[in-house]
Structure formats: structure tokens, C-alpha cells
Amino acid sequence: MSEPTNETTKINETTDDALATNDVELLQKFGEFKERFLTRLEREIVGRRAVLEEVLAGIFAGGHVLLVGVPGLGKTRIARAIADALDLRFRRIQFTPDLTPADILGFDVLQEDPATGTRSFSFAPGPIFANVVLADEINRTPPKTQAALLEATQERQITVAGRRYELDAPFFVVATQNPLESEGTYPLPDAQLDRFLFSVKIDYPKAADEVETVLRTTGEERAPEPPTICRDEFLTFQGLIRRIPAPRVVVEHAVNIVRKTRPQTKTSIEATQQYVERGAGPRASQALILGAKAFAAFAGRTAVSADDVERAALPALRERIALNYLAQADGVDVDFLVRKILRDARAEYERG
């Protein structure tokens, strides 16, 4: 890792646009809010600060987040705790094998006017019409129903019976997914996975954290806390993160990382050539920079650094790389591969 002073120098030499003075002040306010927000969440979610930061980075960067882990690790609890802390409309959709697209999007209802006897159709909106949508166990439902989210997650609108309906801003989906090895799961198509800015992995907690979780969740229930942020503040912070400049040299670093995941690229490392069936596409580069902007804001930086890009690499690339059978045979997972790529790309970045 390079020294912070060297990193700052490289950023200052290559940043075309500086953050406006009022945005610098807003950035300080965002830092204070972020700490309050995490403190509140950690009163419910024990020992998951890195996970919480990745989820928050994804949603404040304007993306959707996929939480991956075996049942019982608190994926739904994390999503619900974040929704409760936001003064936004929240809906939960429990994905089951018998769920239909209409159960998510809504449907037309035939109504009759009692006075005139006239019949007409009116649209009954589904749970997708919310600011925060929890798609619980999204891979428990067949592909046809999974695909109902595609238009909403990409274009923030839906189409029912040929009519388009806009979704109110902000709109983001926090989806939970069980490991694909679990019984009764349907793998999400690549097009669907690519709509999620981040894929956040949740592992088993440490022993001390598990003890603390049990203590907090088996005693007397506490009164719910009021929301921490309103809709307008949320949108203001999302706009701020978009305005944080990313120097060209840092963007090139992000693109280089993504290109190294593709086995057909000349600069890819040996492990990529050996274990990757399909590398990440250009949307991964966009996810890296958007996530890096959020992590820069978390750290109070007025421009994106290479460290921010590398912090975003695992959640941004985790579901965008397909490994081959040899990787499975050798016990190689995507996280291991991405870490090797990061070391190689960082060495090239520091050489300039």
C-alpha cells in the first residue's frame, strides 16, 4: 500500500474538478451523519460494521445491494434495520416458488361504478412501489418472477399491460440470497446479478459477537427508535456522492482491475487465465467508481483514491466473475482471485 501523502499528491495532480466549497461542508455533515447512522445500526447488528458500511455505500451510491449468506446470519435483520433508520416507504417481498410477477408489480382490477354501472380497469400497485424494497430470499423463486425486477432495478420504472409507471426516488432494492448449494434455489441470471451494484458476503459471526447478539435478542424488546434521516436529506447525500470527483488515473486503475478479470485480456494474471470462465463487464468498472465515491465520502475525502477503489472491489466484482470447474476443484473462490488481481494492479498503479 502506498503512503497516504503519495496518494494525495497523485490525486491532486490529476483531478480535473475540485469539490465545491458548499459540497465540502456537506461532506463533513455526511461524515457526522454516517457515524450516527452506523452507531444506531450497531445497537441492533453486532460485529458487522464492514458489512454495514458496504451496504450503506451501495445504497448511497444509488445502487442496489445483494446480501449473500446461509440462513440465520441476520441478512433480513440488517436490511430491516437500515430501512427502519430511514424515513422512507419500506416494503418486504418474500420470494417463494409460487410468487408471480403480478404479486411484485401489481395488476389491473375490474371495478364497477355503483351509480352508473360503468365498468373500468384500475391499477392496484404492488409492493415494488416503495423507496426501500427488501427482496427476501430472491433466489427461492423461479426465473420468470425474478425477471419482474429487471426493469425496476435498471430503469426505476415498471410496465404493466403496456403502461409505464415511474417509481419514486429514492428507490433501491436490498435482496437476500441463500447460497446456490442450498436446496430449492434458482440461480439469478447474469443480467439480473449485474443490476446489483454490490454483492455483500455475510459469514458466521465471531464467538463474542454471537454471544452479544443472543443477549440482545432474547431479552425485553426495546421501543423502536425514530428515523435518522428523511427523504430529502437522503437524496441530497446521494447527489453529493455522485459529485465527488474521480481522477482519471484512479478511473484507469479501476478499469485495469476489471480488465484483469477477463482471461482473454493480455494483462490478466495467471490465476485469471487458469480459473476464470467469464470476466466482469464494463458495468463492473462503473460499480467500482460509484462504490469508491461512497467510500471516499465515508472517509471525508474530497476525491476518490486508489484505496477507495480497492475497498469497493470485492463487493463490486463478487457476482460478476464466473469461475470454471478447475477453480472449484482447486478450492479457489472469487474473493481469493480478486485479492490476487488487486495486488497485481496495485503494483502497476504505484509504478505509474
Protein backbone atom coordinates (compact mmCIF):
# COMPACT_ATOMS: atom_id res chain seq x y z
CA MET A 1 0.00 0.00 0.00
CA SER A 2 1.35 3.48 -0.77
CA GLU A 3 1.65 6.18 1.83
CA PRO A 4 -1.39 8.49 2.15
CA THR A 5 0.71 11.52 1.29
CA ASN A 6 1.83 9.99 -2.01
CA GLU A 7 -1.75 9.01 -2.81
CA THR A 8 -2.97 12.54 -2.10
CA THR A 9 -0.26 14.03 -4.29
CA LYS A 10 -1.19 11.79 -7.20
CA ILE A 11 -4.86 12.67 -6.80
CA ASN A 12 -4.25 16.42 -6.64
CA GLU A 13 -2.10 16.32 -9.75
CA THR A 14 -4.77 14.56 -11.80
CA THR A 15 -8.11 15.82 -10.54
CA ASP A 16 -9.83 17.98 -13.12
CA ASP A 17 -12.72 19.13 -10.96
CA ALA A 18 -12.47 20.09 -7.31
CA LEU A 19 -15.39 19.67 -4.96
CA ALA A 20 -17.29 22.95 -4.46
CA THR A 21 -16.97 24.71 -1.11
CA ASN A 22 -20.57 24.06 -0.14
CA ASP A 23 -20.10 20.39 -1.04
CA VAL A 24 -17.04 20.21 1.22
CA GLU A 25 -19.21 21.45 4.07
CA LEU A 26 -21.92 18.96 3.12
CA LEU A 27 -19.30 16.21 3.07
CA GLN A 28 -18.43 17.00 6.69
CA LYS A 29 -22.11 16.83 7.59
CA PHE A 30 -22.38 13.49 5.81
CA GLY A 31 -19.46 12.12 7.82
CA GLU A 32 -21.18 13.06 11.07
CA PHE A 33 -24.45 11.52 9.86
CA LYS A 34 -22.72 8.31 8.77
CA GLU A 35 -21.25 7.76 12.25
CA ARG A 36 -24.63 8.37 13.92
CA PHE A 37 -26.27 6.03 11.43
CA LEU A 38 -23.77 3.23 11.99
CA THR A 39 -23.94 3.67 15.76
CA ARG A 40 -27.69 3.23 15.62
CA LEU A 41 -27.44 0.15 13.42
CA GLU A 42 -24.81 -1.43 15.64
CA ARG A 43 -27.21 -1.31 18.55
CA GLU A 44 -29.15 -3.99 16.65
CA ILE A 45 -26.48 -5.61 14.45
CA VAL A 46 -23.42 -6.80 16.39
CA GLY A 47 -19.95 -7.17 14.86
CA ARG A 48 -20.97 -6.37 11.29
CA ARG A 49 -19.51 -2.90 10.74
CA ALA A 50 -17.71 -3.81 7.50
CA VAL A 51 -20.91 -5.38 6.15
CA LEU A 52 -22.99 -2.35 7.16
CA GLU A 53 -20.52 0.03 5.51
CA GLU A 54 -20.64 -1.93 2.26
CA VAL A 55 -24.45 -1.95 2.24
CA LEU A 56 -24.63 1.77 3.00
CA ALA A 57 -22.00 2.55 0.37
CA GLY A 58 -24.09 0.69 -2.19
CA ILE A 59 -27.36 2.45 -1.46
CA PHE A 60 -25.89 5.94 -1.03
CA ALA A 61 -24.09 5.46 -4.35
CA GLY A 62 -27.54 4.94 -5.87
CA GLY A 63 -27.32 1.19 -6.41
CA HIS A 64 -28.98 -2.00 -5.27
CA VAL A 65 -27.35 -4.44 -2.87
CA LEU A 66 -27.37 -8.24 -2.69
CA LEU A 67 -26.74 -9.87 0.71
CA VAL A 68 -25.40 -13.41 0.39
CA GLY A 69 -25.13 -15.96 3.20
CA VAL A 70 -26.63 -19.07 4.71
CA PRO A 71 -29.97 -18.74 6.54
CA GLY A 72 -29.87 -17.40 10.09
CA LEU A 73 -26.99 -14.92 9.76
CA GLY A 74 -29.17 -11.83 10.02
CA LYS A 75 -29.44 -10.80 6.36
CA THR A 76 -33.08 -9.82 6.69
CA ARG A 77 -32.44 -8.15 10.04
CA ILE A 78 -29.72 -5.98 8.51
CA ALA A 79 -31.97 -4.89 5.64
CA ARG A 80 -34.86 -4.17 8.01
CA ALA A 81 -32.67 -2.21 10.44
CA ILE A 82 -31.44 0.03 7.62
CA ALA A 83 -34.99 0.59 6.38
CA ASP A 84 -36.21 1.46 9.88
CA ALA A 85 -33.46 4.06 10.23
CA LEU A 86 -34.56 5.76 7.01
CA ASP A 87 -37.74 7.81 6.87
CA LEU A 88 -38.70 6.13 3.61
CA ARG A 89 -41.51 3.87 2.43
CA PHE A 90 -40.49 0.26 3.02
CA ARG A 91 -41.97 -2.96 1.64
CA ARG A 92 -40.83 -6.53 2.08
CA ILE A 93 -41.40 -9.19 -0.59
CA GLN A 94 -40.91 -12.79 0.50
CA PHE A 95 -39.83 -14.67 -2.61
CA THR A 96 -41.35 -18.14 -2.75
CA PRO A 97 -41.78 -20.71 -5.56
CA ASP A 98 -45.42 -19.71 -6.10
CA LEU A 99 -44.79 -15.93 -6.26
CA THR A 100 -45.89 -14.35 -9.56
CA PRO A 101 -44.74 -11.15 -11.30
CA ALA A 102 -48.14 -9.57 -10.54
CA ASP A 103 -47.50 -10.13 -6.82
CA ILE A 104 -44.49 -7.81 -7.17
CA LEU A 105 -45.53 -5.26 -9.77
CA GLY A 106 -49.30 -5.03 -9.30
CA PHE A 107 -52.23 -5.75 -11.58
CA ASP A 108 -55.33 -4.26 -13.18
CA VAL A 109 -58.59 -4.65 -11.26
CA LEU A 110 -62.01 -4.52 -12.92
CA GLN A 111 -64.24 -2.10 -11.00
CA GLU A 112 -67.89 -1.13 -11.48
CA ASP A 113 -69.37 2.26 -10.67
CA PRO A 114 -72.46 1.56 -8.48
CA ALA A 115 -74.22 4.68 -9.72
CA THR A 116 -73.80 4.23 -13.48
CA GLY A 117 -72.92 0.57 -13.79
CA THR A 118 -69.91 1.54 -15.87
CA ARG A 119 -67.00 -0.86 -15.67
CA SER A 120 -63.36 0.12 -15.94
CA PHE A 121 -59.94 -1.15 -15.03
CA SER A 122 -57.83 0.49 -12.32
CA PHE A 123 -54.27 -0.35 -11.43
CA ALA A 124 -53.56 -1.85 -8.00
CA PRO A 125 -49.85 -1.15 -7.33
CA GLY A 126 -47.72 -3.95 -5.94
CA PRO A 127 -45.06 -3.77 -3.22
CA ILE A 128 -42.43 -2.61 -5.73
CA PHE A 129 -43.93 0.88 -5.27
CA ALA A 130 -41.78 1.83 -2.30
CA ASN A 131 -38.48 3.58 -1.66
CA VAL A 132 -36.82 0.60 0.03
CA VAL A 133 -37.74 -2.88 -1.18
CA LEU A 134 -36.49 -5.93 0.67
CA ALA A 135 -36.43 -8.86 -1.76
CA ASP A 136 -36.10 -11.65 0.78
CA GLU A 137 -34.58 -14.92 -0.44
CA ILE A 138 -34.73 -13.72 -4.03
CA ASN A 139 -33.35 -16.99 -5.38
CA ARG A 140 -36.20 -19.05 -3.91
CA THR A 141 -38.50 -18.05 -6.77
CA PRO A 142 -38.34 -19.17 -10.44
CA PRO A 143 -36.58 -17.06 -13.11
CA LYS A 144 -39.85 -15.69 -14.57
CA THR A 145 -40.65 -13.99 -11.27
CA GLN A 146 -37.05 -12.94 -10.65
CA ALA A 147 -37.13 -11.16 -14.02
CA ALA A 148 -40.01 -8.98 -12.83
CA LEU A 149 -37.42 -6.87 -11.03
CA LEU A 150 -35.21 -6.26 -14.06
CA GLU A 151 -36.90 -3.13 -15.41
CA ALA A 152 -37.40 -1.69 -11.94
CA THR A 153 -33.78 -2.11 -10.85
CA GLN A 154 -32.35 -0.75 -14.10
CA GLU A 155 -34.77 2.00 -15.17
CA ARG A 156 -36.67 2.81 -11.95
CA GLN A 157 -39.95 2.11 -13.70
CA ILE A 158 -42.22 -0.84 -14.45
CA THR A 159 -44.50 -1.76 -17.34
CA VAL A 160 -47.86 -3.47 -16.74
CA ALA A 161 -50.32 -4.16 -19.56
CA GLY A 162 -48.37 -1.83 -21.85
CA ARG A 163 -48.48 1.12 -19.45
CA ARG A 164 -45.40 2.53 -17.73
CA TYR A 165 -45.33 3.55 -14.11
CA GLU A 166 -42.47 5.58 -12.65
CA LEU A 167 -41.03 4.62 -9.27
CA ASP A 168 -40.46 7.43 -6.78
CA ALA A 169 -36.91 8.43 -5.88
CA PRO A 170 -35.06 7.22 -4.00
CA PHE A 171 -35.61 3.63 -5.00
CA PHE A 172 -33.31 0.78 -4.09
CA VAL A 173 -33.58 -2.95 -3.59
CA VAL A 174 -31.83 -4.84 -0.82
CA ALA A 175 -32.06 -8.51 -1.76
CA THR A 176 -31.04 -11.51 0.31
CA GLN A 177 -29.81 -14.66 -1.34
CA ASN A 178 -29.09 -18.12 0.03
CA PRO A 179 -26.01 -19.95 -1.25
CA LEU A 180 -26.69 -21.68 -4.55
CA GLU A 181 -25.88 -25.03 -2.97
CA SER A 182 -28.97 -24.71 -0.76
CA GLU A 183 -31.97 -26.85 -1.65
CA GLY A 184 -34.76 -25.17 -3.59
CA THR A 185 -32.77 -22.25 -5.03
CA TYR A 186 -32.79 -20.84 -8.58
CA PRO A 187 -29.56 -19.10 -9.68
CA LEU A 188 -30.12 -15.48 -10.65
CA PRO A 189 -29.37 -14.81 -14.35
CA ASP A 190 -26.23 -12.78 -15.09
CA ALA A 191 -28.35 -9.87 -16.34
CA GLN A 192 -30.14 -9.77 -13.01
CA LEU A 193 -26.95 -10.04 -10.93
CA ASP A 194 -25.40 -7.21 -12.93
CA ARG A 195 -28.18 -4.87 -11.76
CA PHE A 196 -26.82 -5.05 -8.21
CA LEU A 197 -24.07 -2.56 -7.54
CA PHE A 198 -22.66 -4.61 -4.66
CA SER A 199 -22.81 -8.22 -3.52
CA VAL A 200 -22.08 -8.33 0.21
CA LYS A 201 -20.98 -11.61 1.73
CA ILE A 202 -22.07 -12.44 5.29
CA ASP A 203 -20.14 -15.11 7.18
CA TYR A 204 -20.69 -16.69 10.58
CA PRO A 205 -20.05 -14.24 13.45
CA LYS A 206 -17.20 -14.42 15.93
CA ALA A 207 -17.99 -16.19 19.20
CA ALA A 208 -18.08 -12.98 21.27
CA ASP A 209 -20.35 -11.28 18.73
CA GLU A 210 -22.67 -14.27 18.68
CA VAL A 211 -22.94 -14.20 22.47
CA GLU A 212 -23.73 -10.48 22.43
CA THR A 213 -26.32 -11.00 19.68
CA VAL A 214 -28.09 -13.67 21.72
CA LEU A 215 -28.10 -11.45 24.82
CA ARG A 216 -29.62 -8.52 22.91
CA THR A 217 -32.25 -10.52 21.05
CA THR A 218 -33.57 -12.74 23.85
CA GLY A 219 -34.32 -10.07 26.43
CA GLU A 220 -37.07 -7.49 26.70
CA GLU A 221 -37.83 -5.77 23.42
CA ARG A 222 -36.83 -2.13 23.24
CA ALA A 223 -39.04 0.62 21.88
CA PRO A 224 -38.33 1.42 18.21
CA GLU A 225 -36.12 4.45 17.57
CA PRO A 226 -37.22 7.30 15.31
CA PRO A 227 -35.72 7.50 11.78
CA THR A 228 -32.28 9.08 11.42
CA ILE A 229 -32.68 10.69 8.00
CA CYS A 230 -35.56 11.98 5.89
CA ARG A 231 -36.11 11.54 2.17
CA ASP A 232 -34.77 14.96 1.12
CA GLU A 233 -31.57 14.53 3.15
CA PHE A 234 -31.06 11.08 1.68
CA LEU A 235 -31.37 12.42 -1.88
CA THR A 236 -29.03 15.31 -1.02
CA PHE A 237 -26.34 12.90 0.19
CA GLN A 238 -26.79 10.70 -2.88
CA GLY A 239 -26.24 13.74 -5.08
CA LEU A 240 -23.13 14.71 -3.10
CA ILE A 241 -21.54 11.28 -3.60
CA ARG A 242 -22.13 11.48 -7.35
CA ARG A 243 -20.31 14.84 -7.43
CA ILE A 244 -17.14 13.61 -5.71
CA PRO A 245 -14.52 13.70 -8.48
CA ALA A 246 -12.66 10.59 -9.58
CA PRO A 247 -9.25 11.44 -11.08
CA ARG A 248 -8.54 9.90 -14.46
CA VAL A 249 -5.58 7.93 -13.09
CA VAL A 250 -7.87 6.35 -10.47
CA VAL A 251 -10.52 5.52 -13.08
CA GLU A 252 -7.81 3.90 -15.18
CA HIS A 253 -6.81 1.87 -12.11
CA ALA A 254 -10.41 0.69 -11.69
CA VAL A 255 -10.69 -0.27 -15.36
CA ASN A 256 -7.35 -2.10 -15.17
CA ILE A 257 -8.63 -4.15 -12.21
CA VAL A 258 -11.76 -5.13 -14.12
CA ARG A 259 -9.86 -5.97 -17.29
CA LYS A 260 -7.61 -8.29 -15.30
CA THR A 261 -10.66 -10.43 -14.50
CA ARG A 262 -11.01 -11.33 -18.19
CA PRO A 263 -8.98 -14.34 -19.34
CA GLN A 264 -8.76 -13.05 -22.92
CA THR A 265 -7.03 -9.81 -21.83
CA LYS A 266 -3.25 -9.72 -22.29
CA THR A 267 -2.72 -8.02 -18.93
CA SER A 268 -4.70 -10.63 -16.96
CA ILE A 269 -2.80 -12.57 -14.32
CA GLU A 270 -2.04 -16.29 -14.46
CA ALA A 271 -4.80 -17.13 -11.96
CA THR A 272 -7.36 -15.44 -14.21
CA GLN A 273 -6.20 -17.43 -17.22
CA GLN A 274 -6.39 -20.63 -15.19
CA TYR A 275 -9.63 -20.25 -13.24
CA VAL A 276 -11.97 -17.74 -14.90
CA GLU A 277 -14.60 -18.76 -17.40
CA ARG A 278 -16.06 -15.27 -17.84
CA GLY A 279 -14.74 -11.98 -16.51
CA ALA A 280 -16.54 -8.82 -15.41
CA GLY A 281 -18.03 -6.42 -17.95
CA PRO A 282 -17.88 -2.62 -18.21
CA ARG A 283 -20.69 -2.20 -15.67
CA ALA A 284 -18.23 -3.53 -13.08
CA SER A 285 -15.93 -0.56 -13.74
CA GLN A 286 -18.85 1.79 -13.14
CA ALA A 287 -19.70 -0.06 -9.92
CA LEU A 288 -16.10 0.25 -8.73
CA ILE A 289 -16.06 4.02 -9.20
CA LEU A 290 -19.53 4.62 -7.75
CA GLY A 291 -18.71 2.48 -4.73
CA ALA A 292 -15.33 4.18 -4.38
CA LYS A 293 -17.03 7.58 -4.31
CA ALA A 294 -19.18 6.41 -1.40
CA PHE A 295 -16.16 5.07 0.49
CA ALA A 296 -14.32 8.36 -0.16
CA ALA A 297 -17.27 10.21 1.34
CA PHE A 298 -17.23 7.86 4.34
CA ALA A 299 -13.58 8.79 4.89
CA GLY A 300 -14.21 12.51 4.37
CA ARG A 301 -12.08 12.67 1.22
CA THR A 302 -12.89 15.24 -1.45
CA ALA A 303 -11.66 13.00 -4.28
CA VAL A 304 -11.58 9.27 -4.94
CA SER A 305 -8.33 7.42 -4.21
CA ALA A 306 -6.99 4.06 -5.34
CA ASP A 307 -7.62 2.80 -1.81
CA ASP A 308 -11.33 3.59 -2.22
CA VAL A 309 -11.46 1.67 -5.50
CA GLU A 310 -9.80 -1.35 -3.91
CA ARG A 311 -12.19 -1.15 -0.93
CA ALA A 312 -15.07 -1.46 -3.40
CA ALA A 313 -13.52 -4.28 -5.44
CA LEU A 314 -14.76 -7.35 -3.57
CA PRO A 315 -18.46 -6.38 -3.31
CA ALA A 316 -18.45 -4.94 -6.84
CA LEU A 317 -16.82 -7.94 -8.53
CA ARG A 318 -18.02 -10.86 -6.41
CA GLU A 319 -21.07 -11.74 -8.54
CA ARG A 320 -19.63 -10.54 -11.85
CA ILE A 321 -16.94 -13.19 -12.31
CA ALA A 322 -17.75 -16.77 -13.32
CA LEU A 323 -15.15 -19.37 -12.33
CA ASN A 324 -14.60 -22.64 -14.19
CA TYR A 325 -14.66 -26.21 -12.94
CA LEU A 326 -10.91 -26.17 -12.24
CA ALA A 327 -11.37 -23.38 -9.68
CA GLN A 328 -13.95 -25.47 -7.85
CA ALA A 329 -11.64 -28.48 -7.95
CA ASP A 330 -8.74 -26.45 -6.51
CA GLY A 331 -10.89 -24.73 -3.89
CA VAL A 332 -10.44 -21.25 -5.41
CA ASP A 333 -13.22 -18.72 -4.87
CA VAL A 334 -13.82 -15.29 -6.38
CA ASP A 335 -12.63 -13.38 -3.30
CA PHE A 336 -9.25 -15.15 -3.48
CA LEU A 337 -8.91 -14.31 -7.17
CA VAL A 338 -9.90 -10.65 -6.73
CA ARG A 339 -7.32 -10.19 -3.96
CA LYS A 340 -4.59 -11.54 -6.26
CA ILE A 341 -5.73 -9.19 -9.02
CA LEU A 342 -5.69 -6.24 -6.63
CA ARG A 343 -2.10 -6.92 -5.61
CA ASP A 344 -1.01 -7.08 -9.25
CA ALA A 345 -2.97 -3.98 -10.27
CA ARG A 346 -1.71 -2.01 -7.26
CA ALA A 347 1.91 -2.75 -8.16
CA GLU A 348 1.27 -1.41 -11.68
CA TYR A 349 -0.51 1.66 -10.27
CA GLU A 350 2.38 2.54 -7.97
CA ARG A 351 4.89 2.17 -10.81
CA GLY A 352 2.83 4.77 -12.66
